[in-house]
Protein backbone atom coordinates (compact mmCIF):
# COMPACT_ATOMS: atom_id res chain seq x y z
CA MET A 1 112.52 7.99 -103.58
CA THR A 2 110.35 8.97 -106.49
CA PRO A 3 106.91 10.03 -106.07
CA ILE A 4 103.92 8.20 -108.24
CA ALA A 5 100.64 9.51 -108.23
CA TYR A 6 97.60 7.65 -109.26
CA SER A 7 93.92 7.85 -109.47
CA LEU A 8 91.87 4.76 -110.17
CA GLN A 9 88.00 3.81 -109.80
CA PHE A 10 88.05 0.12 -108.59
CA ARG A 11 84.62 -1.71 -108.89
CA GLY A 12 83.63 -5.09 -107.67
CA ARG A 13 81.73 -6.69 -104.62
CA ALA A 14 81.79 -6.64 -100.85
CA THR A 15 81.15 -10.04 -99.09
CA SER A 16 80.72 -10.39 -95.29
CA PRO A 17 82.53 -13.34 -93.85
CA ARG A 18 81.48 -12.32 -90.53
CA SER A 19 78.92 -9.74 -89.18
CA ASP A 20 81.78 -7.33 -88.22
CA ARG A 21 83.83 -7.66 -91.33
CA LEU A 22 83.58 -6.69 -95.10
CA ARG A 23 85.85 -8.04 -97.67
CA PHE A 24 86.45 -6.20 -100.98
CA SER A 25 87.48 -7.84 -104.29
CA LEU A 26 87.97 -5.02 -106.72
CA THR A 27 89.57 -4.16 -110.28
CA ALA A 28 90.30 -1.26 -112.15
CA PRO A 29 91.14 -0.68 -115.65
CA SER A 30 93.82 1.78 -116.75
CA THR A 31 92.15 5.11 -116.91
CA ALA A 32 92.72 8.89 -117.15
CA LEU A 33 90.71 11.29 -114.63
CA VAL A 34 89.57 14.33 -116.76
CA THR A 35 88.34 17.19 -114.46
CA THR A 36 86.58 20.10 -116.24
CA VAL A 37 85.70 23.47 -114.60
CA GLY A 38 83.34 25.66 -116.49
CA PRO A 39 80.70 28.05 -116.14
CA ASP A 40 78.25 25.26 -115.06
CA GLY A 41 80.60 24.24 -112.45
CA VAL A 42 82.77 20.96 -112.23
CA ARG A 43 82.65 17.53 -113.68
CA GLY A 44 84.77 14.52 -113.49
CA ALA A 45 85.13 11.32 -115.52
CA PHE A 46 87.28 8.37 -115.75
CA GLU A 47 88.30 7.82 -119.75
CA ASP A 48 89.71 4.50 -120.76
CA VAL A 49 93.37 4.48 -121.60
CA PRO A 50 95.58 1.46 -122.96
CA GLY A 51 97.23 -0.42 -120.35
CA GLY A 52 96.55 -3.32 -117.84
CA GLU A 53 94.26 -3.96 -114.62
CA ALA A 54 94.88 -3.16 -110.88
CA THR A 55 93.38 -5.44 -108.40
CA PHE A 56 92.29 -4.48 -105.00
CA GLU A 57 91.77 -6.89 -102.02
CA GLY A 58 91.00 -5.80 -98.54
CA GLU A 59 89.11 -6.21 -95.41
CA LEU A 60 87.29 -3.97 -93.23
CA ALA A 61 86.97 -4.50 -89.40
CA LEU A 62 83.84 -2.67 -88.43
CA GLY A 63 83.57 -0.79 -85.33
CA GLU A 64 81.07 1.29 -83.22
CA GLN A 65 79.48 4.44 -84.80
CA SER A 66 79.97 3.81 -88.37
CA THR A 67 83.92 3.62 -88.08
CA PHE A 68 86.18 0.86 -89.41
CA ASP A 69 89.96 -0.10 -89.71
CA ASP A 70 91.35 -1.83 -92.74
CA PHE A 71 94.08 -3.52 -94.30
CA GLY A 72 94.95 -5.26 -97.58
CA THR A 73 97.00 -5.21 -100.99
CA ILE A 74 96.84 -3.50 -104.30
CA GLU A 75 98.39 -5.14 -107.23
CA PHE A 76 99.47 -2.95 -110.32
CA GLY A 77 100.68 -5.64 -112.97
CA ARG A 78 102.14 -8.76 -112.10
CA GLY A 79 104.53 -8.92 -109.24
CA ASN A 80 104.06 -5.05 -108.33
CA ARG A 81 101.94 -5.23 -105.15
CA LEU A 82 101.84 -2.85 -102.36
CA ARG A 83 100.45 -3.41 -98.82
CA PHE A 84 98.25 -0.82 -96.71
CA HIS A 85 96.64 -0.28 -93.51
CA SER A 86 94.17 2.31 -92.64
CA VAL A 87 95.53 5.39 -90.70
CA GLY A 88 93.13 6.16 -87.99
CA LEU A 89 89.58 5.06 -88.39
CA GLY A 90 87.69 5.05 -91.73
CA ARG A 91 83.83 6.01 -91.76
CA LEU A 92 81.08 4.11 -93.63
CA GLY A 93 77.87 5.56 -93.11
CA SER A 94 74.47 6.45 -94.85
CA SER A 95 74.28 8.59 -97.93
CA PRO A 96 71.44 10.59 -99.77
CA ASP A 97 70.66 7.56 -101.97
CA PRO A 98 69.05 5.07 -99.42
CA HIS A 99 70.41 2.02 -101.47
CA LEU A 100 74.19 3.32 -100.97
CA ARG A 101 76.56 3.55 -97.96
CA HIS A 102 79.30 6.03 -98.33
CA GLY A 103 82.69 5.29 -96.98
CA SER A 104 86.01 7.16 -96.74
CA VAL A 105 89.37 6.33 -95.24
CA VAL A 106 93.22 7.30 -95.66
CA ARG A 107 95.40 4.28 -96.15
CA GLU A 108 99.10 4.13 -95.44
CA VAL A 109 101.53 2.06 -97.75
CA GLU A 110 103.60 -0.39 -95.87
CA GLY A 111 105.93 -1.56 -98.56
CA GLY A 112 105.54 -4.52 -101.01
CA ASP A 113 107.00 -6.28 -103.84
CA GLY A 114 108.18 -5.44 -107.18
CA GLN A 115 108.05 -1.70 -107.74
CA PHE A 116 106.71 -1.17 -104.42
CA ALA A 117 109.47 -2.79 -102.26
CA GLY A 118 110.52 -0.26 -99.77
CA ALA A 119 107.60 1.84 -100.68
CA GLU A 120 105.98 4.49 -98.49
CA GLY A 121 102.91 6.85 -99.18
CA LEU A 122 99.16 7.50 -98.65
CA ILE A 123 96.10 6.51 -100.32
CA THR A 124 92.70 8.35 -100.12
CA SER A 125 89.56 6.27 -100.72
CA ASN A 126 86.10 7.45 -101.29
CA PHE A 127 83.74 4.69 -101.94
CA PHE A 128 80.16 3.35 -102.19
CA VAL A 129 78.68 0.10 -101.19
CA SER A 130 75.37 -0.99 -102.39
CA ASP A 131 72.76 -2.64 -100.64
CA THR A 132 73.42 -5.67 -103.05
CA GLY A 133 77.07 -5.49 -102.38
CA GLU A 134 78.62 -3.85 -105.29
CA VAL A 135 81.34 -1.46 -104.58
CA THR A 136 82.65 1.53 -106.36
CA ASP A 137 86.08 2.96 -104.66
CA ASN A 138 87.52 6.01 -106.07
CA GLN A 139 91.34 6.20 -104.93
CA PHE A 140 93.93 8.81 -105.10
CA GLY A 141 97.35 7.86 -104.16
CA LEU A 142 100.87 9.46 -103.59
CA ILE A 143 103.48 6.59 -103.44
CA PHE A 144 107.13 7.03 -102.91
CA VAL A 145 109.09 4.31 -104.55
CA ARG A 146 112.88 3.72 -104.84
CA ASP A 147 114.56 4.97 -107.73
CA GLN A 148 115.60 1.72 -109.09
CA ARG A 149 118.29 3.18 -111.83
CA ARG A 150 119.87 5.17 -108.86
CA ASP A 151 120.13 2.23 -106.80
CA GLU A 152 121.74 0.23 -109.76
CA VAL A 153 124.36 2.91 -110.53
CA ALA A 154 125.21 3.16 -106.64
CA GLN A 155 125.42 -0.66 -106.35
CA ARG A 156 127.68 -0.69 -109.36
CA LYS A 157 130.01 1.91 -107.61
CA GLY A 158 130.06 0.06 -104.27
CA ALA A 159 127.50 2.26 -102.24
CA LYS A 160 124.49 1.20 -100.59
CA PRO A 161 121.10 1.56 -102.09
CA CYS A 162 119.16 5.21 -101.69
CA THR A 163 116.54 4.95 -99.05
CA THR A 164 115.47 8.66 -99.38
CA ASN A 165 116.04 11.46 -101.86
């Protein structure tokens, strides 16, 4: 298995199909996260880079005391979709800005399609939901994918595909 790390900032809208649910439909362009440490402290910014767009579709089931669990998909280019669900409970509560709710969750990758067939890993998410439904979701993922070249060579030699490194 080969690890892939990514950092993306998804933006879009949240809708409420029911009072105990939030549905996110978000997109993220290809970007590079640039973090600079200097005498004035730390700064971070996403800079646009050439490439495509990722789409995030997720649903949060709201629980008691500002908690939730969630599930959904992220598609990185056509046909490369991963599935996830939350690990434990996420948290969505107030923030210092009265117009924003601040949330965080750890998500477990449970496979997918294309590049993510048989994938495993974790995604951390730190996000805001505005009182008008605007969402900004900063994600960092570390996902282990099958090494397709190794699998192809092994199959030519009559061996089974590698499932671990």
